[in-house]
């Protein structure tokens, strides 16, 4: 009986860690930390050629 409770607790802990990791990845996707050149070319599409 105690073994079952321990397994459930560990599974909930693993799920909570995965949820926190996924939320962090989503946050990084919305707030990328990239250079201005990268942002202008790939994200904003404000320049047509990659600056040399």
Protein backbone atom coordinates (compact mmCIF):
# COMPACT_ATOMS: atom_id res chain seq x y z
CA UNK A 1 0.00 0.00 0.00
CA UNK A 2 2.76 2.47 0.92
CA UNK A 3 4.66 1.49 -2.22
CA UNK A 4 1.66 2.52 -4.35
CA UNK A 5 1.47 5.93 -2.65
CA UNK A 6 5.20 6.44 -3.17
CA UNK A 7 4.93 5.61 -6.87
CA UNK A 8 1.98 7.97 -7.32
CA UNK A 9 3.86 10.75 -5.54
CA UNK A 10 6.91 10.26 -7.73
CA UNK A 11 4.76 10.28 -10.87
CA UNK A 12 3.05 13.51 -9.81
CA UNK A 13 6.45 15.05 -9.09
CA UNK A 14 7.75 14.00 -12.50
CA UNK A 15 4.65 15.46 -14.19
CA UNK A 16 5.05 18.71 -12.28
CA UNK A 17 8.68 18.96 -13.38
CA UNK A 18 7.70 18.37 -17.01
CA UNK A 19 4.98 21.01 -16.81
CA UNK A 20 7.43 23.53 -15.37
CA UNK A 21 9.94 22.72 -18.11
CA UNK A 22 7.32 23.13 -20.85
CA UNK A 23 6.15 26.45 -19.40
CA UNK A 24 9.75 27.67 -19.36
CA UNK A 25 10.20 26.64 -23.01
CA UNK A 26 7.00 28.48 -23.95
CA UNK A 27 8.25 31.57 -22.11
CA UNK A 28 11.54 31.41 -24.05
CA UNK A 29 9.57 31.15 -27.28
CA UNK A 30 7.66 34.34 -26.53
CA UNK A 31 10.72 36.25 -25.27
CA UNK A 32 13.66 35.19 -27.47
CA UNK A 33 17.04 36.66 -26.61
CA UNK A 34 18.59 37.13 -30.03
CA UNK A 35 20.64 39.80 -31.77
CA UNK A 36 18.97 42.68 -33.59
CA UNK A 37 20.11 41.34 -36.97
CA UNK A 38 18.61 37.91 -36.30
CA UNK A 39 15.37 39.47 -35.08
CA UNK A 40 15.08 41.74 -38.13
CA UNK A 41 15.72 38.94 -40.64
CA UNK A 42 14.00 35.88 -39.14
CA UNK A 43 11.35 37.18 -36.72
CA UNK A 44 10.22 40.60 -37.96
CA UNK A 45 11.10 40.10 -41.66
CA UNK A 46 12.02 43.77 -41.96
CA UNK A 47 15.15 43.16 -44.07
CA UNK A 48 15.36 41.06 -47.23
CA UNK A 49 19.00 39.95 -47.04
CA UNK A 50 21.15 38.80 -44.17
CA UNK A 51 23.55 41.62 -43.28
CA UNK A 52 27.21 40.82 -43.85
